[in-house]
Amino acid sequence: ADLGEFLSTYDTLMIGDVPAERFDGAQMEAIRKQ
């Protein structure tokens, strides 16, 4: 619910060797949208 706003303060997100299970589906969707 807060991730999109949080990510909007950054130019880039780097995911470095992190398994998908560390994110829930809604967080992944927020990342995709950003």
ModelCIF file with pLDDT and N, C-alpha, C, O atoms, coordinates in Angstrom:
data_MODEL
#
_entry.id   MODEL 
#
_entity.id                         1 
_entity.type                       polymer 
_entity.pdbx_number_of_molecules   1 
#
_entity_poly.entity_id                      1 
_entity_poly.type                           'polypeptide(L)' 
_entity_poly.nstd_linkage                   no 
_entity_poly.nstd_monomer                   no 
_entity_poly.pdbx_seq_one_letter_code       ADLGEFLSTYDTLMIGDVPAERFDGAQMEAIRKQ 
_entity_poly.pdbx_seq_one_letter_code_can   ADLGEFLSTYDTLMIGDVPAERFDGAQMEAIRKQ 
_entity_poly.pdbx_strand_id                 A 
#
loop_
_entity_poly_seq.entity_id 
_entity_poly_seq.num 
_entity_poly_seq.mon_id 
_entity_poly_seq.hetero 
1 1  ALA n 
1 2  ASP n 
1 3  LEU n 
1 4  GLY n 
1 5  GLU n 
1 6  PHE n 
1 7  LEU n 
1 8  SER n 
1 9  THR n 
1 10 TYR n 
1 11 ASP n 
1 12 THR n 
1 13 LEU n 
1 14 MET n 
1 15 ILE n 
1 16 GLY n 
1 17 ASP n 
1 18 VAL n 
1 19 PRO n 
1 20 ALA n 
1 21 GLU n 
1 22 ARG n 
1 23 PHE n 
1 24 ASP n 
1 25 GLY n 
1 26 ALA n 
1 27 GLN n 
1 28 MET n 
1 29 GLU n 
1 30 ALA n 
1 31 ILE n 
1 32 ARG n 
1 33 LYS n 
1 34 GLN n 
#
_struct_asym.id          A 
_struct_asym.entity_id   1 
#
loop_
_ma_qa_metric.id 
_ma_qa_metric.mode 
_ma_qa_metric.name 
_ma_qa_metric.software_group_id 
_ma_qa_metric.type 
1 global pLDDT . pLDDT 
2 local  pLDDT . pLDDT 
#
_ma_qa_metric_global.metric_id      1 
_ma_qa_metric_global.metric_value   93.65 
_ma_qa_metric_global.model_id       1 
_ma_qa_metric_global.ordinal_id     1 
#
loop_
_ma_qa_metric_local.label_asym_id 
_ma_qa_metric_local.label_comp_id 
_ma_qa_metric_local.label_seq_id 
_ma_qa_metric_local.metric_id 
_ma_qa_metric_local.metric_value 
_ma_qa_metric_local.model_id 
_ma_qa_metric_local.ordinal_id 
A ALA 1  2 88.00 1 1  
A ASP 2  2 93.00 1 2  
A LEU 3  2 93.00 1 3  
A GLY 4  2 92.00 1 4  
A GLU 5  2 94.00 1 5  
A PHE 6  2 95.00 1 6  
A LEU 7  2 95.00 1 7  
A SER 8  2 94.00 1 8  
A THR 9  2 94.00 1 9  
A TYR 10 2 94.00 1 10 
A ASP 11 2 94.00 1 11 
A THR 12 2 95.00 1 12 
A LEU 13 2 95.00 1 13 
A MET 14 2 93.00 1 14 
A ILE 15 2 93.00 1 15 
A GLY 16 2 92.00 1 16 
A ASP 17 2 92.00 1 17 
A VAL 18 2 93.00 1 18 
A PRO 19 2 94.00 1 19 
A ALA 20 2 94.00 1 20 
A GLU 21 2 94.00 1 21 
A ARG 22 2 93.00 1 22 
A PHE 23 2 93.00 1 23 
A ASP 24 2 92.00 1 24 
A GLY 25 2 91.00 1 25 
A ALA 26 2 93.00 1 26 
A GLN 27 2 94.00 1 27 
A MET 28 2 94.00 1 28 
A GLU 29 2 95.00 1 29 
A ALA 30 2 95.00 1 30 
A ILE 31 2 96.00 1 31 
A ARG 32 2 96.00 1 32 
A LYS 33 2 96.00 1 33 
A GLN 34 2 95.00 1 34 
#
loop_
_atom_site.group_PDB 
_atom_site.id 
_atom_site.type_symbol 
_atom_site.label_atom_id 
_atom_site.label_alt_id 
_atom_site.label_comp_id 
_atom_site.label_asym_id 
_atom_site.label_entity_id 
_atom_site.label_seq_id 
_atom_site.pdbx_PDB_ins_code 
_atom_site.Cartn_x 
_atom_site.Cartn_y 
_atom_site.Cartn_z 
_atom_site.occupancy 
_atom_site.B_iso_or_equiv 
_atom_site.pdbx_formal_charge 
_atom_site.auth_seq_id 
_atom_site.auth_comp_id 
_atom_site.auth_asym_id 
_atom_site.auth_atom_id 
_atom_site.pdbx_PDB_model_num 
ATOM 1   N N  . ALA A 1 1  ? 0.822  -1.216  0.000   1.00 88.00 ? 1  ALA A N  1 
ATOM 2   C CA . ALA A 1 1  ? 0.000  0.000   0.000   1.00 88.00 ? 1  ALA A CA 1 
ATOM 3   C C  . ALA A 1 1  ? 0.854  1.263   0.000   1.00 88.00 ? 1  ALA A C  1 
ATOM 4   O O  . ALA A 1 1  ? 0.415  2.301   -0.496  1.00 88.00 ? 1  ALA A O  1 
ATOM 5   N N  . ASP A 1 2  ? 2.057  1.194   0.543   1.00 93.00 ? 2  ASP A N  1 
ATOM 6   C CA . ASP A 1 2  ? 2.951  2.353   0.620   1.00 93.00 ? 2  ASP A CA 1 
ATOM 7   C C  . ASP A 1 2  ? 4.152  2.247   -0.309  1.00 93.00 ? 2  ASP A C  1 
ATOM 8   O O  . ASP A 1 2  ? 4.916  3.203   -0.441  1.00 93.00 ? 2  ASP A O  1 
ATOM 9   N N  . LEU A 1 3  ? 4.327  1.102   -0.951  1.00 93.00 ? 3  LEU A N  1 
ATOM 10  C CA . LEU A 1 3  ? 5.536  0.865   -1.727  1.00 93.00 ? 3  LEU A CA 1 
ATOM 11  C C  . LEU A 1 3  ? 5.639  1.759   -2.950  1.00 93.00 ? 3  LEU A C  1 
ATOM 12  O O  . LEU A 1 3  ? 6.726  2.250   -3.254  1.00 93.00 ? 3  LEU A O  1 
ATOM 13  N N  . GLY A 1 4  ? 4.538  1.987   -3.662  1.00 92.00 ? 4  GLY A N  1 
ATOM 14  C CA . GLY A 1 4  ? 4.588  2.847   -4.851  1.00 92.00 ? 4  GLY A CA 1 
ATOM 15  C C  . GLY A 1 4  ? 5.074  4.242   -4.512  1.00 92.00 ? 4  GLY A C  1 
ATOM 16  O O  . GLY A 1 4  ? 5.923  4.797   -5.210  1.00 92.00 ? 4  GLY A O  1 
ATOM 17  N N  . GLU A 1 5  ? 4.542  4.803   -3.455  1.00 94.00 ? 5  GLU A N  1 
ATOM 18  C CA . GLU A 1 5  ? 4.973  6.144   -3.038  1.00 94.00 ? 5  GLU A CA 1 
ATOM 19  C C  . GLU A 1 5  ? 6.440  6.137   -2.619  1.00 94.00 ? 5  GLU A C  1 
ATOM 20  O O  . GLU A 1 5  ? 7.188  7.055   -2.957  1.00 94.00 ? 5  GLU A O  1 
ATOM 21  N N  . PHE A 1 6  ? 6.852  5.110   -1.888  1.00 95.00 ? 6  PHE A N  1 
ATOM 22  C CA . PHE A 1 6  ? 8.247  4.975   -1.464  1.00 95.00 ? 6  PHE A CA 1 
ATOM 23  C C  . PHE A 1 6  ? 9.168  4.896   -2.680  1.00 95.00 ? 6  PHE A C  1 
ATOM 24  O O  . PHE A 1 6  ? 10.173 5.604   -2.751  1.00 95.00 ? 6  PHE A O  1 
ATOM 25  N N  . LEU A 1 7  ? 8.821  4.035   -3.633  1.00 95.00 ? 7  LEU A N  1 
ATOM 26  C CA . LEU A 1 7  ? 9.667  3.878   -4.818  1.00 95.00 ? 7  LEU A CA 1 
ATOM 27  C C  . LEU A 1 7  ? 9.693  5.125   -5.686  1.00 95.00 ? 7  LEU A C  1 
ATOM 28  O O  . LEU A 1 7  ? 10.665 5.348   -6.408  1.00 95.00 ? 7  LEU A O  1 
ATOM 29  N N  . SER A 1 8  ? 8.655  5.936   -5.634  1.00 94.00 ? 8  SER A N  1 
ATOM 30  C CA . SER A 1 8  ? 8.624  7.146   -6.467  1.00 94.00 ? 8  SER A CA 1 
ATOM 31  C C  . SER A 1 8  ? 9.703  8.148   -6.073  1.00 94.00 ? 8  SER A C  1 
ATOM 32  O O  . SER A 1 8  ? 9.953  9.104   -6.807  1.00 94.00 ? 8  SER A O  1 
ATOM 33  N N  . THR A 1 9  ? 10.338 7.946   -4.938  1.00 94.00 ? 9  THR A N  1 
ATOM 34  C CA . THR A 1 9  ? 11.426 8.842   -4.527  1.00 94.00 ? 9  THR A CA 1 
ATOM 35  C C  . THR A 1 9  ? 12.778 8.387   -5.076  1.00 94.00 ? 9  THR A C  1 
ATOM 36  O O  . THR A 1 9  ? 13.801 9.022   -4.819  1.00 94.00 ? 9  THR A O  1 
ATOM 37  N N  . TYR A 1 10 ? 12.780 7.297   -5.826  1.00 94.00 ? 10 TYR A N  1 
ATOM 38  C CA . TYR A 1 10 ? 14.007 6.744   -6.395  1.00 94.00 ? 10 TYR A CA 1 
ATOM 39  C C  . TYR A 1 10 ? 13.935 6.738   -7.919  1.00 94.00 ? 10 TYR A C  1 
ATOM 40  O O  . TYR A 1 10 ? 12.854 6.656   -8.503  1.00 94.00 ? 10 TYR A O  1 
ATOM 41  N N  . ASP A 1 11 ? 15.099 6.828   -8.549  1.00 94.00 ? 11 ASP A N  1 
ATOM 42  C CA . ASP A 1 11 ? 15.184 6.728   -10.003 1.00 94.00 ? 11 ASP A CA 1 
ATOM 43  C C  . ASP A 1 11 ? 15.259 5.270   -10.460 1.00 94.00 ? 11 ASP A C  1 
ATOM 44  O O  . ASP A 1 11 ? 14.786 4.929   -11.544 1.00 94.00 ? 11 ASP A O  1 
ATOM 45  N N  . THR A 1 12 ? 15.854 4.416   -9.629  1.00 95.00 ? 12 THR A N  1 
ATOM 46  C CA . THR A 1 12 ? 16.100 3.029   -10.019 1.00 95.00 ? 12 THR A CA 1 
ATOM 47  C C  . THR A 1 12 ? 15.972 2.109   -8.815  1.00 95.00 ? 12 THR A C  1 
ATOM 48  O O  . THR A 1 12 ? 16.343 2.470   -7.698  1.00 95.00 ? 12 THR A O  1 
ATOM 49  N N  . LEU A 1 13 ? 15.447 0.926   -9.056  1.00 95.00 ? 13 LEU A N  1 
ATOM 50  C CA . LEU A 1 13 ? 15.435 -0.142  -8.067  1.00 95.00 ? 13 LEU A CA 1 
ATOM 51  C C  . LEU A 1 13 ? 16.299 -1.265  -8.616  1.00 95.00 ? 13 LEU A C  1 
ATOM 52  O O  . LEU A 1 13 ? 16.112 -1.697  -9.754  1.00 95.00 ? 13 LEU A O  1 
ATOM 53  N N  . MET A 1 14 ? 17.239 -1.738  -7.819  1.00 93.00 ? 14 MET A N  1 
ATOM 54  C CA . MET A 1 14 ? 18.070 -2.868  -8.214  1.00 93.00 ? 14 MET A CA 1 
ATOM 55  C C  . MET A 1 14 ? 17.707 -4.048  -7.332  1.00 93.00 ? 14 MET A C  1 
ATOM 56  O O  . MET A 1 14 ? 17.754 -3.964  -6.105  1.00 93.00 ? 14 MET A O  1 
ATOM 57  N N  . ILE A 1 15 ? 17.346 -5.140  -7.970  1.00 93.00 ? 15 ILE A N  1 
ATOM 58  C CA . ILE A 1 15 ? 17.063 -6.387  -7.258  1.00 93.00 ? 15 ILE A CA 1 
ATOM 59  C C  . ILE A 1 15 ? 18.248 -7.304  -7.538  1.00 93.00 ? 15 ILE A C  1 
ATOM 60  O O  . ILE A 1 15 ? 18.406 -7.798  -8.654  1.00 93.00 ? 15 ILE A O  1 
ATOM 61  N N  . GLY A 1 16 ? 19.067 -7.527  -6.540  1.00 92.00 ? 16 GLY A N  1 
ATOM 62  C CA . GLY A 1 16 ? 20.290 -8.303  -6.713  1.00 92.00 ? 16 GLY A CA 1 
ATOM 63  C C  . GLY A 1 16 ? 20.202 -9.681  -6.098  1.00 92.00 ? 16 GLY A C  1 
ATOM 64  O O  . GLY A 1 16 ? 20.351 -9.831  -4.885  1.00 92.00 ? 16 GLY A O  1 
ATOM 65  N N  . ASP A 1 17 ? 19.964 -10.687 -6.915  1.00 92.00 ? 17 ASP A N  1 
ATOM 66  C CA . ASP A 1 17 ? 19.930 -12.088 -6.500  1.00 92.00 ? 17 ASP A CA 1 
ATOM 67  C C  . ASP A 1 17 ? 18.990 -12.315 -5.317  1.00 92.00 ? 17 ASP A C  1 
ATOM 68  O O  . ASP A 1 17 ? 19.361 -12.947 -4.328  1.00 92.00 ? 17 ASP A O  1 
ATOM 69  N N  . VAL A 1 18 ? 17.767 -11.789 -5.435  1.00 93.00 ? 18 VAL A N  1 
ATOM 70  C CA . VAL A 1 18 ? 16.752 -11.924 -4.386  1.00 93.00 ? 18 VAL A CA 1 
ATOM 71  C C  . VAL A 1 18 ? 15.643 -12.832 -4.915  1.00 93.00 ? 18 VAL A C  1 
ATOM 72  O O  . VAL A 1 18 ? 15.092 -12.558 -5.981  1.00 93.00 ? 18 VAL A O  1 
ATOM 73  N N  . PRO A 1 19 ? 15.305 -13.899 -4.204  1.00 94.00 ? 19 PRO A N  1 
ATOM 74  C CA . PRO A 1 19 ? 14.228 -14.772 -4.687  1.00 94.00 ? 19 PRO A CA 1 
ATOM 75  C C  . PRO A 1 19 ? 12.867 -14.083 -4.625  1.00 94.00 ? 19 PRO A C  1 
ATOM 76  O O  . PRO A 1 19 ? 12.633 -13.220 -3.779  1.00 94.00 ? 19 PRO A O  1 
ATOM 77  N N  . ALA A 1 20 ? 11.995 -14.468 -5.515  1.00 94.00 ? 20 ALA A N  1 
ATOM 78  C CA . ALA A 1 20 ? 10.657 -13.870 -5.611  1.00 94.00 ? 20 ALA A CA 1 
ATOM 79  C C  . ALA A 1 20 ? 9.864  -14.026 -4.324  1.00 94.00 ? 20 ALA A C  1 
ATOM 80  O O  . ALA A 1 20 ? 9.029  -13.177 -4.013  1.00 94.00 ? 20 ALA A O  1 
ATOM 81  N N  . GLU A 1 21 ? 10.104 -15.078 -3.578  1.00 94.00 ? 21 GLU A N  1 
ATOM 82  C CA . GLU A 1 21 ? 9.342  -15.315 -2.354  1.00 94.00 ? 21 GLU A CA 1 
ATOM 83  C C  . GLU A 1 21 ? 9.553  -14.224 -1.303  1.00 94.00 ? 21 GLU A C  1 
ATOM 84  O O  . GLU A 1 21 ? 8.795  -14.147 -0.336  1.00 94.00 ? 21 GLU A O  1 
ATOM 85  N N  . ARG A 1 22 ? 10.564 -13.389 -1.478  1.00 93.00 ? 22 ARG A N  1 
ATOM 86  C CA . ARG A 1 22 ? 10.798 -12.294 -0.530  1.00 93.00 ? 22 ARG A CA 1 
ATOM 87  C C  . ARG A 1 22 ? 9.808  -11.149 -0.709  1.00 93.00 ? 22 ARG A C  1 
ATOM 88  O O  . ARG A 1 22 ? 9.685  -10.292 0.167   1.00 93.00 ? 22 ARG A O  1 
ATOM 89  N N  . PHE A 1 23 ? 9.092  -11.129 -1.851  1.00 93.00 ? 23 PHE A N  1 
ATOM 90  C CA . PHE A 1 23 ? 8.092  -10.104 -2.134  1.00 93.00 ? 23 PHE A CA 1 
ATOM 91  C C  . PHE A 1 23 ? 6.724  -10.755 -2.155  1.00 93.00 ? 23 PHE A C  1 
ATOM 92  O O  . PHE A 1 23 ? 6.582  -11.894 -2.600  1.00 93.00 ? 23 PHE A O  1 
ATOM 93  N N  . ASP A 1 24 ? 5.704  -10.032 -1.674  1.00 92.00 ? 24 ASP A N  1 
ATOM 94  C CA . ASP A 1 24 ? 4.362  -10.573 -1.878  1.00 92.00 ? 24 ASP A CA 1 
ATOM 95  C C  . ASP A 1 24 ? 3.855  -10.083 -3.240  1.00 92.00 ? 24 ASP A C  1 
ATOM 96  O O  . ASP A 1 24 ? 4.461  -9.207  -3.858  1.00 92.00 ? 24 ASP A O  1 
ATOM 97  N N  . GLY A 1 25 ? 2.758  -10.647 -3.689  1.00 91.00 ? 25 GLY A N  1 
ATOM 98  C CA . GLY A 1 25 ? 2.237  -10.319 -5.022  1.00 91.00 ? 25 GLY A CA 1 
ATOM 99  C C  . GLY A 1 25 ? 1.929  -8.848  -5.196  1.00 91.00 ? 25 GLY A C  1 
ATOM 100 O O  . GLY A 1 25 ? 2.173  -8.292  -6.267  1.00 91.00 ? 25 GLY A O  1 
ATOM 101 N N  . ALA A 1 26 ? 1.398  -8.204  -4.169  1.00 93.00 ? 26 ALA A N  1 
ATOM 102 C CA . ALA A 1 26 ? 1.069  -6.783  -4.259  1.00 93.00 ? 26 ALA A CA 1 
ATOM 103 C C  . ALA A 1 26 ? 2.332  -5.925  -4.334  1.00 93.00 ? 26 ALA A C  1 
ATOM 104 O O  . ALA A 1 26 ? 2.336  -4.900  -5.015  1.00 93.00 ? 26 ALA A O  1 
ATOM 105 N N  . GLN A 1 27 ? 3.393  -6.322  -3.651  1.00 94.00 ? 27 GLN A N  1 
ATOM 106 C CA . GLN A 1 27 ? 4.655  -5.591  -3.762  1.00 94.00 ? 27 GLN A CA 1 
ATOM 107 C C  . GLN A 1 27 ? 5.223  -5.726  -5.173  1.00 94.00 ? 27 GLN A C  1 
ATOM 108 O O  . GLN A 1 27 ? 5.724  -4.755  -5.740  1.00 94.00 ? 27 GLN A O  1 
ATOM 109 N N  . MET A 1 28 ? 5.143  -6.930  -5.737  1.00 94.00 ? 28 MET A N  1 
ATOM 110 C CA . MET A 1 28 ? 5.628  -7.126  -7.103  1.00 94.00 ? 28 MET A CA 1 
ATOM 111 C C  . MET A 1 28 ? 4.844  -6.262  -8.082  1.00 94.00 ? 28 MET A C  1 
ATOM 112 O O  . MET A 1 28 ? 5.420  -5.683  -9.003  1.00 94.00 ? 28 MET A O  1 
ATOM 113 N N  . GLU A 1 29 ? 3.542  -6.177  -7.886  1.00 95.00 ? 29 GLU A N  1 
ATOM 114 C CA . GLU A 1 29 ? 2.723  -5.341  -8.767  1.00 95.00 ? 29 GLU A CA 1 
ATOM 115 C C  . GLU A 1 29 ? 3.097  -3.878  -8.610  1.00 95.00 ? 29 GLU A C  1 
ATOM 116 O O  . GLU A 1 29 ? 3.115  -3.151  -9.604  1.00 95.00 ? 29 GLU A O  1 
ATOM 117 N N  . ALA A 1 30 ? 3.396  -3.418  -7.409  1.00 95.00 ? 30 ALA A N  1 
ATOM 118 C CA . ALA A 1 30 ? 3.824  -2.031  -7.200  1.00 95.00 ? 30 ALA A CA 1 
ATOM 119 C C  . ALA A 1 30 ? 5.148  -1.770  -7.906  1.00 95.00 ? 30 ALA A C  1 
ATOM 120 O O  . ALA A 1 30 ? 5.339  -0.704  -8.492  1.00 95.00 ? 30 ALA A O  1 
ATOM 121 N N  . ILE A 1 31 ? 6.063  -2.731  -7.857  1.00 96.00 ? 31 ILE A N  1 
ATOM 122 C CA . ILE A 1 31 ? 7.345  -2.600  -8.557  1.00 96.00 ? 31 ILE A CA 1 
ATOM 123 C C  . ILE A 1 31 ? 7.105  -2.531  -10.060 1.00 96.00 ? 31 ILE A C  1 
ATOM 124 O O  . ILE A 1 31 ? 7.677  -1.684  -10.746 1.00 96.00 ? 31 ILE A O  1 
ATOM 125 N N  . ARG A 1 32 ? 6.258  -3.425  -10.573 1.00 96.00 ? 32 ARG A N  1 
ATOM 126 C CA . ARG A 1 32 ? 5.956  -3.422  -12.019 1.00 96.00 ? 32 ARG A CA 1 
ATOM 127 C C  . ARG A 1 32 ? 5.373  -2.087  -12.442 1.00 96.00 ? 32 ARG A C  1 
ATOM 128 O O  . ARG A 1 32 ? 5.793  -1.527  -13.455 1.00 96.00 ? 32 ARG A O  1 
ATOM 129 N N  . LYS A 1 33 ? 4.412  -1.565  -11.686 1.00 96.00 ? 33 LYS A N  1 
ATOM 130 C CA . LYS A 1 33 ? 3.785  -0.294  -12.045 1.00 96.00 ? 33 LYS A CA 1 
ATOM 131 C C  . LYS A 1 33 ? 4.796  0.841   -12.058 1.00 96.00 ? 33 LYS A C  1 
ATOM 132 O O  . LYS A 1 33 ? 4.801  1.654   -12.983 1.00 96.00 ? 33 LYS A O  1 
ATOM 133 N N  . GLN A 1 34 ? 5.650  0.907   -11.046 1.00 95.00 ? 34 GLN A N  1 
ATOM 134 C CA . GLN A 1 34 ? 6.647  1.986   -11.005 1.00 95.00 ? 34 GLN A CA 1 
ATOM 135 C C  . GLN A 1 34 ? 7.581  1.896   -12.210 1.00 95.00 ? 34 GLN A C  1 
ATOM 136 O O  . GLN A 1 34 ? 8.487  2.717   -12.352 1.00 95.00 ? 34 GLN A O  1 
#
